[in-house]
Amino acid sequence: MKEARFRDEPEIRKRCIEFIVGLVKELQHRLPYYVKVLRLMSTMSVNECLQPIKPGILDLAKMFEQNDEVLTRIDFQWKKLHYTVWKKPMILLEVADYKDATGENPYSDICELALTVLSLPHSNADVERLFSHMNIVKTKLRNRMNNETLTAVLVVKYGLHKVGKCCHNYTLPADVLKKIGTLEAYKKYTTSQEASTSTSDSTAVEDWDLSEF
């Protein structure tokens, strides 16, 4: 047995070396890009946002937005963000809820970019965990569950976990309780469904008109 293990040792060492070399190559291939993204993400920290002189935001914005008009608005909003008097410390939710004298949010584009950037997972662990929870919610017995319902269940699940609550000890807001059992609770879904139906119908008409020619 000892002689057999001794003969297998070179092969084992060879495989270990090949595995480590492959791992290093993958790290070298992937790491530079992700390091660059993470460094640019640090630009959106609270301390950087409120500085009169701060790094530009366009390099980060171009990774998520291609429209030149939107990029111009993001750059403008980023440069004037420190002119507004914010509570200490400034949080993204406050910026998202901010309204000027006209009732509009002058920082809507930079908020959308920040939400997109800050929601990126820093590793595969969160994604793998999400797939595990998805398989728990959408089982073989629930195989007809649509994506909208699945998303809603997962959002509620993660939202309750974030505040340290569960379904048995969470108190629903009064305005939500009033909507239960009424058409108001399905208003958004009905509107989106009607819009989708009308779009598909118009597409069908266009296809029919084109086929006639």
N, C-alpha and C. Protein backbone atom coordinates (compact mmCIF):
# COMPACT_ATOMS: atom_id res chain seq x y z
N MET A 1 0.83 -1.20 0.00
CA MET A 1 0.00 0.00 0.00
C MET A 1 0.88 1.26 0.00
N LYS A 2 1.94 1.22 0.83
CA LYS A 2 2.83 2.37 0.89
C LYS A 2 3.49 2.62 -0.46
N GLU A 3 3.92 1.51 -1.12
CA GLU A 3 4.56 1.66 -2.43
C GLU A 3 3.57 2.23 -3.45
N ALA A 4 2.30 1.78 -3.36
CA ALA A 4 1.28 2.27 -4.29
C ALA A 4 1.05 3.77 -4.09
N ARG A 5 0.96 4.18 -2.81
CA ARG A 5 0.77 5.60 -2.54
C ARG A 5 1.97 6.42 -2.99
N PHE A 6 3.19 5.84 -2.84
CA PHE A 6 4.40 6.53 -3.25
C PHE A 6 4.42 6.72 -4.77
N ARG A 7 3.93 5.72 -5.50
CA ARG A 7 3.90 5.83 -6.96
C ARG A 7 2.87 6.88 -7.41
N ASP A 8 1.76 7.03 -6.65
CA ASP A 8 0.72 8.00 -7.01
C ASP A 8 1.08 9.42 -6.62
N GLU A 9 2.06 9.59 -5.78
CA GLU A 9 2.39 10.93 -5.27
C GLU A 9 2.76 11.91 -6.38
N PRO A 10 3.60 11.55 -7.35
CA PRO A 10 3.92 12.51 -8.42
C PRO A 10 2.68 12.96 -9.19
N GLU A 11 1.77 12.02 -9.44
CA GLU A 11 0.55 12.39 -10.17
C GLU A 11 -0.30 13.35 -9.34
N ILE A 12 -0.40 13.11 -8.05
CA ILE A 12 -1.18 13.99 -7.17
C ILE A 12 -0.55 15.39 -7.13
N ARG A 13 0.77 15.43 -6.99
CA ARG A 13 1.45 16.72 -6.98
C ARG A 13 1.25 17.47 -8.30
N LYS A 14 1.30 16.74 -9.39
CA LYS A 14 1.11 17.36 -10.70
C LYS A 14 -0.28 17.98 -10.81
N ARG A 15 -1.30 17.24 -10.35
CA ARG A 15 -2.67 17.76 -10.42
C ARG A 15 -2.85 18.97 -9.52
N CYS A 16 -2.24 18.94 -8.33
CA CYS A 16 -2.32 20.09 -7.42
C CYS A 16 -1.70 21.33 -8.04
N ILE A 17 -0.54 21.14 -8.67
CA ILE A 17 0.14 22.27 -9.31
C ILE A 17 -0.70 22.82 -10.46
N GLU A 18 -1.29 21.94 -11.26
CA GLU A 18 -2.13 22.37 -12.37
C GLU A 18 -3.36 23.14 -11.87
N PHE A 19 -3.92 22.67 -10.74
CA PHE A 19 -5.08 23.36 -10.16
C PHE A 19 -4.70 24.77 -9.70
N ILE A 20 -3.57 24.89 -9.00
CA ILE A 20 -3.13 26.19 -8.49
C ILE A 20 -2.80 27.14 -9.64
N VAL A 21 -2.13 26.62 -10.66
CA VAL A 21 -1.79 27.46 -11.82
C VAL A 21 -3.07 27.95 -12.51
N GLY A 22 -4.04 27.07 -12.68
CA GLY A 22 -5.32 27.46 -13.27
C GLY A 22 -6.04 28.50 -12.43
N LEU A 23 -6.00 28.33 -11.11
CA LEU A 23 -6.64 29.29 -10.21
C LEU A 23 -6.00 30.66 -10.31
N VAL A 24 -4.68 30.70 -10.35
CA VAL A 24 -3.97 31.98 -10.47
C VAL A 24 -4.29 32.67 -11.79
N LYS A 25 -4.36 31.90 -12.87
CA LYS A 25 -4.69 32.49 -14.17
C LYS A 25 -6.09 33.10 -14.17
N GLU A 26 -7.04 32.40 -13.55
CA GLU A 26 -8.40 32.93 -13.47
C GLU A 26 -8.45 34.21 -12.65
N LEU A 27 -7.71 34.24 -11.55
CA LEU A 27 -7.66 35.45 -10.72
C LEU A 27 -7.04 36.61 -11.48
N GLN A 28 -5.97 36.34 -12.20
CA GLN A 28 -5.34 37.38 -13.00
C GLN A 28 -6.26 37.89 -14.11
N HIS A 29 -7.08 36.98 -14.62
CA HIS A 29 -7.99 37.34 -15.71
C HIS A 29 -9.16 38.18 -15.20
N ARG A 30 -9.70 37.84 -14.03
CA ARG A 30 -10.91 38.49 -13.53
C ARG A 30 -10.65 39.64 -12.58
N LEU A 31 -9.62 39.54 -11.77
CA LEU A 31 -9.43 40.48 -10.68
C LEU A 31 -9.25 41.93 -11.12
N PRO A 32 -8.43 42.23 -12.13
CA PRO A 32 -8.23 43.64 -12.48
C PRO A 32 -9.52 44.40 -12.77
N TYR A 33 -10.45 43.78 -13.48
CA TYR A 33 -11.71 44.46 -13.82
C TYR A 33 -12.53 44.72 -12.56
N TYR A 34 -12.66 43.70 -11.70
CA TYR A 34 -13.48 43.87 -10.51
C TYR A 34 -12.86 44.84 -9.53
N VAL A 35 -11.53 44.86 -9.45
CA VAL A 35 -10.86 45.84 -8.58
C VAL A 35 -11.16 47.25 -9.07
N LYS A 36 -11.14 47.43 -10.38
CA LYS A 36 -11.44 48.74 -10.94
C LYS A 36 -12.86 49.17 -10.61
N VAL A 37 -13.82 48.25 -10.73
CA VAL A 37 -15.21 48.55 -10.41
C VAL A 37 -15.36 48.91 -8.94
N LEU A 38 -14.75 48.13 -8.06
CA LEU A 38 -14.86 48.38 -6.62
C LEU A 38 -14.24 49.72 -6.24
N ARG A 39 -13.12 50.06 -6.86
CA ARG A 39 -12.49 51.35 -6.57
C ARG A 39 -13.36 52.51 -7.04
N LEU A 40 -13.99 52.34 -8.20
CA LEU A 40 -14.88 53.40 -8.69
C LEU A 40 -16.14 53.49 -7.82
N MET A 41 -16.59 52.35 -7.29
CA MET A 41 -17.77 52.37 -6.42
C MET A 41 -17.52 53.18 -5.16
N SER A 42 -16.28 53.18 -4.67
CA SER A 42 -15.96 53.95 -3.47
C SER A 42 -16.13 55.45 -3.69
N THR A 43 -16.21 55.87 -4.95
CA THR A 43 -16.44 57.28 -5.26
C THR A 43 -17.78 57.75 -4.70
N MET A 44 -18.74 56.83 -4.59
CA MET A 44 -20.08 57.20 -4.15
C MET A 44 -20.24 57.15 -2.63
N SER A 45 -19.14 57.09 -1.91
CA SER A 45 -19.24 57.13 -0.45
C SER A 45 -19.74 58.50 -0.02
N VAL A 46 -20.31 58.57 1.18
CA VAL A 46 -20.88 59.82 1.67
C VAL A 46 -19.82 60.91 1.74
N ASN A 47 -18.64 60.58 2.22
CA ASN A 47 -17.58 61.58 2.35
C ASN A 47 -17.19 62.18 0.99
N GLU A 48 -17.15 61.34 -0.04
CA GLU A 48 -16.79 61.82 -1.37
C GLU A 48 -17.91 62.67 -1.97
N CYS A 49 -19.15 62.24 -1.76
CA CYS A 49 -20.30 62.94 -2.36
C CYS A 49 -20.38 64.39 -1.92
N LEU A 50 -20.06 64.67 -0.68
CA LEU A 50 -20.26 66.00 -0.11
C LEU A 50 -19.04 66.90 -0.24
N GLN A 51 -18.00 66.44 -0.90
CA GLN A 51 -16.80 67.25 -1.08
C GLN A 51 -16.99 68.23 -2.25
N PRO A 52 -16.59 69.50 -2.07
CA PRO A 52 -16.67 70.46 -3.20
C PRO A 52 -15.80 70.03 -4.38
N ILE A 53 -14.63 69.48 -4.08
CA ILE A 53 -13.74 68.95 -5.12
C ILE A 53 -13.68 67.44 -4.96
N LYS A 54 -14.18 66.71 -5.93
CA LYS A 54 -14.28 65.26 -5.82
C LYS A 54 -14.01 64.61 -7.16
N PRO A 55 -13.71 63.33 -7.17
CA PRO A 55 -13.45 62.62 -8.43
C PRO A 55 -14.68 62.63 -9.33
N GLY A 56 -14.44 62.53 -10.63
CA GLY A 56 -15.56 62.47 -11.56
C GLY A 56 -16.34 61.18 -11.43
N ILE A 57 -17.59 61.23 -11.87
CA ILE A 57 -18.47 60.06 -11.75
C ILE A 57 -18.72 59.38 -13.09
N LEU A 58 -18.26 59.99 -14.18
CA LEU A 58 -18.62 59.48 -15.50
C LEU A 58 -18.01 58.12 -15.80
N ASP A 59 -16.80 57.85 -15.32
CA ASP A 59 -16.19 56.54 -15.58
C ASP A 59 -17.04 55.42 -15.00
N LEU A 60 -17.59 55.65 -13.83
CA LEU A 60 -18.47 54.66 -13.21
C LEU A 60 -19.82 54.62 -13.90
N ALA A 61 -20.36 55.78 -14.24
CA ALA A 61 -21.70 55.85 -14.86
C ALA A 61 -21.72 55.17 -16.22
N LYS A 62 -20.62 55.27 -16.98
CA LYS A 62 -20.58 54.68 -18.32
C LYS A 62 -20.62 53.16 -18.29
N MET A 63 -20.34 52.56 -17.15
CA MET A 63 -20.44 51.10 -17.03
C MET A 63 -21.89 50.63 -16.98
N PHE A 64 -22.81 51.55 -16.65
CA PHE A 64 -24.20 51.16 -16.48
C PHE A 64 -25.16 51.95 -17.37
N GLU A 65 -24.69 53.00 -18.00
CA GLU A 65 -25.56 53.85 -18.81
C GLU A 65 -24.82 54.27 -20.08
N GLN A 66 -25.51 54.18 -21.23
CA GLN A 66 -24.92 54.51 -22.52
C GLN A 66 -25.52 55.77 -23.14
N ASN A 67 -26.62 56.23 -22.59
CA ASN A 67 -27.28 57.41 -23.14
C ASN A 67 -26.51 58.67 -22.75
N ASP A 68 -26.07 59.44 -23.75
CA ASP A 68 -25.27 60.64 -23.49
C ASP A 68 -26.05 61.69 -22.71
N GLU A 69 -27.34 61.79 -22.98
CA GLU A 69 -28.15 62.79 -22.28
C GLU A 69 -28.25 62.45 -20.79
N VAL A 70 -28.47 61.18 -20.49
CA VAL A 70 -28.54 60.75 -19.09
C VAL A 70 -27.19 60.93 -18.40
N LEU A 71 -26.11 60.61 -19.11
CA LEU A 71 -24.77 60.77 -18.54
C LEU A 71 -24.48 62.24 -18.21
N THR A 72 -24.94 63.14 -19.07
CA THR A 72 -24.75 64.57 -18.82
C THR A 72 -25.50 65.00 -17.56
N ARG A 73 -26.73 64.50 -17.40
CA ARG A 73 -27.51 64.84 -16.21
C ARG A 73 -26.86 64.27 -14.95
N ILE A 74 -26.35 63.05 -15.04
CA ILE A 74 -25.68 62.44 -13.89
C ILE A 74 -24.47 63.27 -13.47
N ASP A 75 -23.68 63.68 -14.45
CA ASP A 75 -22.48 64.47 -14.15
C ASP A 75 -22.85 65.81 -13.52
N PHE A 76 -23.90 66.45 -14.02
CA PHE A 76 -24.35 67.73 -13.49
C PHE A 76 -24.87 67.57 -12.06
N GLN A 77 -25.68 66.55 -11.83
CA GLN A 77 -26.23 66.31 -10.49
C GLN A 77 -25.13 65.96 -9.50
N TRP A 78 -24.15 65.22 -9.94
CA TRP A 78 -23.03 64.83 -9.08
C TRP A 78 -22.23 66.06 -8.63
N LYS A 79 -22.02 67.00 -9.55
CA LYS A 79 -21.21 68.17 -9.23
C LYS A 79 -21.93 69.15 -8.31
N LYS A 80 -23.25 69.15 -8.31
CA LYS A 80 -23.97 70.11 -7.47
C LYS A 80 -24.57 69.45 -6.22
N LEU A 81 -24.25 68.19 -5.98
CA LEU A 81 -24.84 67.46 -4.85
C LEU A 81 -24.48 68.10 -3.51
N HIS A 82 -23.29 68.64 -3.40
CA HIS A 82 -22.85 69.18 -2.12
C HIS A 82 -23.45 70.55 -1.83
N TYR A 83 -24.13 71.17 -2.78
CA TYR A 83 -24.75 72.47 -2.55
C TYR A 83 -26.00 72.37 -1.67
N THR A 84 -26.64 71.23 -1.66
CA THR A 84 -27.83 71.03 -0.83
C THR A 84 -27.41 70.71 0.60
N VAL A 85 -28.13 71.28 1.56
CA VAL A 85 -27.84 71.02 2.97
C VAL A 85 -28.55 69.73 3.36
N TRP A 86 -27.76 68.70 3.65
CA TRP A 86 -28.30 67.40 4.01
C TRP A 86 -28.14 67.18 5.51
N LYS A 87 -28.96 66.28 6.02
CA LYS A 87 -28.80 65.87 7.41
C LYS A 87 -27.50 65.08 7.55
N LYS A 88 -26.94 65.05 8.71
CA LYS A 88 -25.69 64.32 8.96
C LYS A 88 -26.00 63.02 9.67
N PRO A 89 -25.53 61.85 9.18
CA PRO A 89 -24.88 61.71 7.88
C PRO A 89 -25.91 61.62 6.75
N MET A 90 -25.54 62.05 5.57
CA MET A 90 -26.42 61.95 4.42
C MET A 90 -26.60 60.49 4.02
N ILE A 91 -27.84 60.09 3.74
CA ILE A 91 -28.12 58.74 3.29
C ILE A 91 -28.83 58.80 1.94
N LEU A 92 -28.72 57.72 1.20
CA LEU A 92 -29.28 57.69 -0.15
C LEU A 92 -30.79 57.89 -0.13
N LEU A 93 -31.46 57.36 0.91
CA LEU A 93 -32.92 57.48 0.98
C LEU A 93 -33.34 58.94 1.07
N GLU A 94 -32.58 59.73 1.78
CA GLU A 94 -32.89 61.16 1.89
C GLU A 94 -32.76 61.85 0.53
N VAL A 95 -31.74 61.48 -0.21
CA VAL A 95 -31.55 62.07 -1.54
C VAL A 95 -32.67 61.63 -2.48
N ALA A 96 -33.08 60.38 -2.37
CA ALA A 96 -34.14 59.87 -3.24
C ALA A 96 -35.49 60.54 -2.95
N ASP A 97 -35.71 60.95 -1.69
CA ASP A 97 -36.98 61.58 -1.31
C ASP A 97 -36.95 63.10 -1.43
N TYR A 98 -35.82 63.65 -1.79
CA TYR A 98 -35.68 65.11 -1.83
C TYR A 98 -36.51 65.71 -2.96
N LYS A 99 -37.15 66.84 -2.67
CA LYS A 99 -37.95 67.56 -3.67
C LYS A 99 -37.56 69.04 -3.63
N ASP A 100 -37.44 69.65 -4.81
CA ASP A 100 -37.13 71.07 -4.85
C ASP A 100 -38.42 71.88 -4.83
N ALA A 101 -38.33 73.18 -5.14
CA ALA A 101 -39.51 74.06 -5.07
C ALA A 101 -40.58 73.67 -6.09
N THR A 102 -40.19 73.01 -7.15
CA THR A 102 -41.17 72.60 -8.17
C THR A 102 -41.79 71.24 -7.89
N GLY A 103 -41.34 70.60 -6.81
CA GLY A 103 -41.87 69.28 -6.47
C GLY A 103 -41.17 68.15 -7.18
N GLU A 104 -40.07 68.45 -7.88
CA GLU A 104 -39.31 67.44 -8.59
C GLU A 104 -38.03 67.10 -7.84
N ASN A 105 -37.51 65.90 -8.10
CA ASN A 105 -36.25 65.49 -7.50
C ASN A 105 -35.12 65.82 -8.47
N PRO A 106 -34.28 66.82 -8.15
CA PRO A 106 -33.21 67.20 -9.08
C PRO A 106 -32.06 66.20 -9.11
N TYR A 107 -32.12 65.17 -8.26
CA TYR A 107 -31.04 64.18 -8.19
C TYR A 107 -31.54 62.77 -8.55
N SER A 108 -32.57 62.70 -9.35
CA SER A 108 -33.18 61.40 -9.66
C SER A 108 -32.23 60.47 -10.41
N ASP A 109 -31.46 61.01 -11.34
CA ASP A 109 -30.55 60.18 -12.14
C ASP A 109 -29.38 59.65 -11.32
N ILE A 110 -28.81 60.49 -10.47
CA ILE A 110 -27.70 60.04 -9.65
C ILE A 110 -28.17 59.03 -8.61
N CYS A 111 -29.43 59.18 -8.16
CA CYS A 111 -30.00 58.19 -7.22
C CYS A 111 -30.18 56.83 -7.88
N GLU A 112 -30.66 56.84 -9.10
CA GLU A 112 -30.85 55.59 -9.83
C GLU A 112 -29.52 54.89 -10.07
N LEU A 113 -28.50 55.66 -10.40
CA LEU A 113 -27.17 55.09 -10.57
C LEU A 113 -26.65 54.52 -9.26
N ALA A 114 -26.82 55.26 -8.17
CA ALA A 114 -26.34 54.79 -6.86
C ALA A 114 -27.03 53.50 -6.45
N LEU A 115 -28.34 53.41 -6.67
CA LEU A 115 -29.08 52.19 -6.32
C LEU A 115 -28.59 51.01 -7.14
N THR A 116 -28.29 51.26 -8.41
CA THR A 116 -27.78 50.19 -9.28
C THR A 116 -26.41 49.72 -8.82
N VAL A 117 -25.54 50.67 -8.51
CA VAL A 117 -24.17 50.33 -8.12
C VAL A 117 -24.14 49.63 -6.77
N LEU A 118 -24.86 50.18 -5.80
CA LEU A 118 -24.80 49.65 -4.44
C LEU A 118 -25.53 48.32 -4.28
N SER A 119 -26.35 47.97 -5.26
CA SER A 119 -27.04 46.68 -5.20
C SER A 119 -26.23 45.55 -5.81
N LEU A 120 -25.06 45.87 -6.39
CA LEU A 120 -24.22 44.83 -6.97
C LEU A 120 -23.65 43.94 -5.87
N PRO A 121 -23.75 42.61 -6.03
CA PRO A 121 -23.15 41.72 -5.03
C PRO A 121 -21.63 41.73 -5.12
N HIS A 122 -20.97 41.72 -3.97
CA HIS A 122 -19.51 41.74 -3.95
C HIS A 122 -18.91 40.34 -4.11
N SER A 123 -19.75 39.33 -4.08
CA SER A 123 -19.28 37.97 -4.29
C SER A 123 -20.45 37.14 -4.81
N ASN A 124 -20.18 35.89 -5.11
CA ASN A 124 -21.24 35.00 -5.59
C ASN A 124 -22.12 34.46 -4.47
N ALA A 125 -21.73 34.73 -3.21
CA ALA A 125 -22.47 34.15 -2.09
C ALA A 125 -23.92 34.62 -2.07
N ASP A 126 -24.14 35.93 -2.28
CA ASP A 126 -25.51 36.45 -2.26
C ASP A 126 -26.35 35.88 -3.40
N VAL A 127 -25.74 35.73 -4.55
CA VAL A 127 -26.46 35.18 -5.71
C VAL A 127 -26.82 33.72 -5.46
N GLU A 128 -25.86 32.94 -4.95
CA GLU A 128 -26.12 31.54 -4.66
C GLU A 128 -27.21 31.40 -3.59
N ARG A 129 -27.16 32.28 -2.59
CA ARG A 129 -28.17 32.25 -1.53
C ARG A 129 -29.56 32.57 -2.09
N LEU A 130 -29.60 33.51 -3.03
CA LEU A 130 -30.88 33.87 -3.65
C LEU A 130 -31.46 32.70 -4.44
N PHE A 131 -30.61 31.98 -5.17
CA PHE A 131 -31.09 30.81 -5.92
C PHE A 131 -31.61 29.73 -4.97
N SER A 132 -30.94 29.57 -3.83
CA SER A 132 -31.40 28.58 -2.85
C SER A 132 -32.78 28.95 -2.32
N HIS A 133 -32.98 30.23 -1.98
CA HIS A 133 -34.29 30.68 -1.49
C HIS A 133 -35.34 30.57 -2.59
N MET A 134 -34.93 30.83 -3.83
CA MET A 134 -35.88 30.73 -4.93
C MET A 134 -36.38 29.30 -5.10
N ASN A 135 -35.48 28.34 -4.93
CA ASN A 135 -35.88 26.94 -5.05
C ASN A 135 -36.78 26.51 -3.89
N ILE A 136 -36.63 27.17 -2.75
CA ILE A 136 -37.52 26.87 -1.62
C ILE A 136 -38.91 27.41 -1.86
N VAL A 137 -38.99 28.61 -2.46
CA VAL A 137 -40.28 29.24 -2.71
C VAL A 137 -40.99 28.61 -3.90
N LYS A 138 -40.28 28.46 -5.01
CA LYS A 138 -40.88 27.90 -6.23
C LYS A 138 -40.53 26.42 -6.33
N THR A 139 -41.37 25.61 -5.74
CA THR A 139 -41.16 24.16 -5.73
C THR A 139 -41.86 23.52 -6.92
N LYS A 140 -41.77 22.20 -7.01
CA LYS A 140 -42.45 21.48 -8.10
C LYS A 140 -43.97 21.63 -8.00
N LEU A 141 -44.47 21.77 -6.77
CA LEU A 141 -45.91 21.96 -6.59
C LEU A 141 -46.35 23.38 -6.96
N ARG A 142 -45.39 24.30 -7.01
CA ARG A 142 -45.69 25.69 -7.36
C ARG A 142 -45.04 26.06 -8.70
N ASN A 143 -44.96 25.12 -9.59
CA ASN A 143 -44.22 25.36 -10.83
C ASN A 143 -44.91 26.34 -11.77
N ARG A 144 -46.16 26.70 -11.50
CA ARG A 144 -46.87 27.67 -12.34
C ARG A 144 -46.77 29.10 -11.78
N MET A 145 -46.01 29.27 -10.71
CA MET A 145 -45.82 30.61 -10.14
C MET A 145 -45.08 31.50 -11.14
N ASN A 146 -45.62 32.69 -11.42
CA ASN A 146 -44.98 33.58 -12.39
C ASN A 146 -43.85 34.36 -11.72
N ASN A 147 -43.06 35.02 -12.54
CA ASN A 147 -41.87 35.72 -12.04
C ASN A 147 -42.23 36.89 -11.13
N GLU A 148 -43.36 37.55 -11.41
CA GLU A 148 -43.75 38.70 -10.59
C GLU A 148 -44.08 38.26 -9.17
N THR A 149 -44.82 37.17 -9.04
CA THR A 149 -45.15 36.67 -7.71
C THR A 149 -43.91 36.17 -6.98
N LEU A 150 -43.05 35.48 -7.70
CA LEU A 150 -41.81 34.98 -7.11
C LEU A 150 -40.94 36.13 -6.61
N THR A 151 -40.83 37.17 -7.41
CA THR A 151 -40.04 38.34 -7.01
C THR A 151 -40.63 38.99 -5.77
N ALA A 152 -41.96 39.12 -5.74
CA ALA A 152 -42.63 39.74 -4.59
C ALA A 152 -42.39 38.95 -3.31
N VAL A 153 -42.47 37.63 -3.39
CA VAL A 153 -42.27 36.79 -2.21
C VAL A 153 -40.83 36.93 -1.70
N LEU A 154 -39.87 36.93 -2.63
CA LEU A 154 -38.46 37.05 -2.22
C LEU A 154 -38.16 38.43 -1.64
N VAL A 155 -38.78 39.48 -2.19
CA VAL A 155 -38.57 40.83 -1.65
C VAL A 155 -39.12 40.93 -0.23
N VAL A 156 -40.31 40.37 -0.01
CA VAL A 156 -40.89 40.38 1.33
C VAL A 156 -40.02 39.58 2.30
N LYS A 157 -39.55 38.44 1.83
CA LYS A 157 -38.71 37.58 2.68
C LYS A 157 -37.43 38.29 3.11
N TYR A 158 -36.75 38.92 2.15
CA TYR A 158 -35.51 39.61 2.47
C TYR A 158 -35.77 40.89 3.26
N GLY A 159 -36.90 41.56 2.97
CA GLY A 159 -37.24 42.77 3.72
C GLY A 159 -37.49 42.49 5.19
N LEU A 160 -38.22 41.41 5.46
CA LEU A 160 -38.47 41.02 6.86
C LEU A 160 -37.18 40.63 7.56
N HIS A 161 -36.33 39.90 6.83
CA HIS A 161 -35.05 39.49 7.42
C HIS A 161 -34.18 40.70 7.75
N LYS A 162 -34.25 41.73 6.91
CA LYS A 162 -33.42 42.92 7.12
C LYS A 162 -33.80 43.65 8.39
N VAL A 163 -35.10 43.69 8.72
CA VAL A 163 -35.55 44.40 9.93
C VAL A 163 -35.66 43.47 11.12
N GLY A 164 -35.22 42.22 10.95
CA GLY A 164 -35.24 41.28 12.06
C GLY A 164 -36.63 40.82 12.45
N LYS A 165 -37.53 40.75 11.47
CA LYS A 165 -38.91 40.33 11.73
C LYS A 165 -39.23 39.06 10.96
N CYS A 166 -40.40 38.50 11.28
CA CYS A 166 -40.91 37.35 10.55
C CYS A 166 -42.39 37.58 10.30
N CYS A 167 -43.03 36.67 9.57
CA CYS A 167 -44.43 36.87 9.21
C CYS A 167 -45.35 36.88 10.42
N HIS A 168 -44.93 36.26 11.53
CA HIS A 168 -45.80 36.15 12.70
C HIS A 168 -45.65 37.33 13.67
N ASN A 169 -44.61 38.15 13.53
CA ASN A 169 -44.43 39.27 14.46
C ASN A 169 -44.28 40.61 13.76
N TYR A 170 -44.56 40.66 12.45
CA TYR A 170 -44.49 41.92 11.71
C TYR A 170 -45.87 42.55 11.64
N THR A 171 -45.95 43.84 11.95
CA THR A 171 -47.22 44.56 11.92
C THR A 171 -47.35 45.32 10.61
N LEU A 172 -48.38 45.02 9.85
CA LEU A 172 -48.59 45.69 8.58
C LEU A 172 -49.00 47.14 8.79
N PRO A 173 -48.53 48.05 7.95
CA PRO A 173 -48.96 49.45 8.05
C PRO A 173 -50.46 49.58 7.84
N ALA A 174 -51.03 50.63 8.42
CA ALA A 174 -52.49 50.81 8.35
C ALA A 174 -52.98 50.97 6.92
N ASP A 175 -52.21 51.71 6.07
CA ASP A 175 -52.66 51.92 4.69
C ASP A 175 -52.66 50.62 3.89
N VAL A 176 -51.74 49.69 4.23
CA VAL A 176 -51.71 48.39 3.55
C VAL A 176 -52.91 47.55 3.99
N LEU A 177 -53.26 47.59 5.27
CA LEU A 177 -54.41 46.84 5.78
C LEU A 177 -55.71 47.30 5.12
N LYS A 178 -55.81 48.59 4.85
CA LYS A 178 -57.03 49.11 4.23
C LYS A 178 -57.20 48.61 2.80
N LYS A 179 -56.08 48.31 2.12
CA LYS A 179 -56.15 47.87 0.73
C LYS A 179 -56.48 46.39 0.58
N ILE A 180 -56.30 45.62 1.66
CA ILE A 180 -56.56 44.18 1.58
C ILE A 180 -58.03 43.92 1.31
N GLY A 181 -58.30 43.12 0.29
CA GLY A 181 -59.68 42.81 -0.08
C GLY A 181 -60.32 43.83 -0.98
N THR A 182 -59.57 44.83 -1.42
CA THR A 182 -60.11 45.85 -2.32
C THR A 182 -59.38 45.79 -3.65
N LEU A 183 -59.95 46.48 -4.65
CA LEU A 183 -59.33 46.51 -5.97
C LEU A 183 -58.05 47.34 -5.98
N GLU A 184 -57.89 48.20 -4.99
CA GLU A 184 -56.70 49.04 -4.91
C GLU A 184 -55.44 48.21 -4.80
N ALA A 185 -55.55 47.04 -4.15
CA ALA A 185 -54.38 46.18 -3.97
C ALA A 185 -53.90 45.60 -5.30
N TYR A 186 -54.79 45.54 -6.30
CA TYR A 186 -54.43 44.95 -7.59
C TYR A 186 -54.35 46.00 -8.69
N LYS A 187 -54.41 47.28 -8.31
CA LYS A 187 -54.47 48.34 -9.30
C LYS A 187 -53.22 48.37 -10.16
N LYS A 188 -52.05 48.29 -9.51
CA LYS A 188 -50.79 48.35 -10.24
C LYS A 188 -50.65 47.17 -11.18
N TYR A 189 -51.01 45.96 -10.69
CA TYR A 189 -50.90 44.77 -11.52
C TYR A 189 -51.84 44.85 -12.71
N THR A 190 -53.07 45.34 -12.47
CA THR A 190 -54.06 45.43 -13.55
C THR A 190 -53.60 46.41 -14.62
N THR A 191 -53.05 47.54 -14.18
CA THR A 191 -52.58 48.56 -15.11
C THR A 191 -51.45 48.03 -15.98
N SER A 192 -50.47 47.36 -15.35
CA SER A 192 -49.34 46.83 -16.10
C SER A 192 -49.79 45.72 -17.04
N GLN A 193 -50.77 44.94 -16.60
CA GLN A 193 -51.27 43.84 -17.44
C GLN A 193 -52.00 44.40 -18.65
N GLU A 194 -52.81 45.47 -18.44
CA GLU A 194 -53.53 46.08 -19.55
C GLU A 194 -52.56 46.69 -20.55
N ALA A 195 -51.51 47.33 -20.03
CA ALA A 195 -50.51 47.92 -20.91
C ALA A 195 -49.82 46.87 -21.74
N SER A 196 -49.51 45.73 -21.10
CA SER A 196 -48.85 44.64 -21.81
C SER A 196 -49.76 44.06 -22.87
N THR A 197 -51.06 43.94 -22.53
CA THR A 197 -52.03 43.38 -23.48
C THR A 197 -52.19 44.30 -24.68
N SER A 198 -52.31 45.63 -24.41
CA SER A 198 -52.48 46.58 -25.50
C SER A 198 -51.25 46.62 -26.41
N THR A 199 -50.06 46.47 -25.81
CA THR A 199 -48.84 46.46 -26.60
C THR A 199 -48.79 45.25 -27.52
N SER A 200 -49.15 44.09 -26.96
CA SER A 200 -49.13 42.87 -27.77
C SER A 200 -50.17 42.93 -28.87
N ASP A 201 -51.36 43.55 -28.56
CA ASP A 201 -52.40 43.67 -29.57
C ASP A 201 -51.95 44.58 -30.71
N SER A 202 -51.31 45.73 -30.34
CA SER A 202 -50.85 46.65 -31.38
C SER A 202 -49.77 46.02 -32.24
N THR A 203 -48.92 45.22 -31.59
CA THR A 203 -47.86 44.53 -32.33
C THR A 203 -48.46 43.53 -33.32
N ALA A 204 -49.52 42.85 -32.87
CA ALA A 204 -50.17 41.88 -33.74
C ALA A 204 -50.80 42.57 -34.95
N VAL A 205 -51.41 43.78 -34.71
CA VAL A 205 -52.02 44.53 -35.80
C VAL A 205 -50.96 44.98 -36.80
N GLU A 206 -49.82 45.47 -36.24
CA GLU A 206 -48.74 45.90 -37.13
C GLU A 206 -48.22 44.75 -37.96
N ASP A 207 -48.08 43.58 -37.35
CA ASP A 207 -47.61 42.41 -38.09
C ASP A 207 -48.60 42.04 -39.19
N TRP A 208 -49.91 42.16 -38.86
CA TRP A 208 -50.94 41.81 -39.84
C TRP A 208 -50.91 42.79 -41.02
N ASP A 209 -50.73 44.10 -40.70
CA ASP A 209 -50.69 45.09 -41.78
C ASP A 209 -49.49 44.87 -42.68
N LEU A 210 -48.36 44.57 -42.09
CA LEU A 210 -47.15 44.37 -42.87
C LEU A 210 -47.28 43.12 -43.76
N SER A 211 -47.95 42.10 -43.25
CA SER A 211 -48.06 40.87 -44.03
C SER A 211 -48.94 41.06 -45.25
N GLU A 212 -49.86 42.03 -45.17
CA GLU A 212 -50.74 42.27 -46.30
C GLU A 212 -49.98 42.84 -47.50
N PHE A 213 -48.90 43.56 -47.22
CA PHE A 213 -48.09 44.13 -48.28
C PHE A 213 -47.04 43.17 -48.77
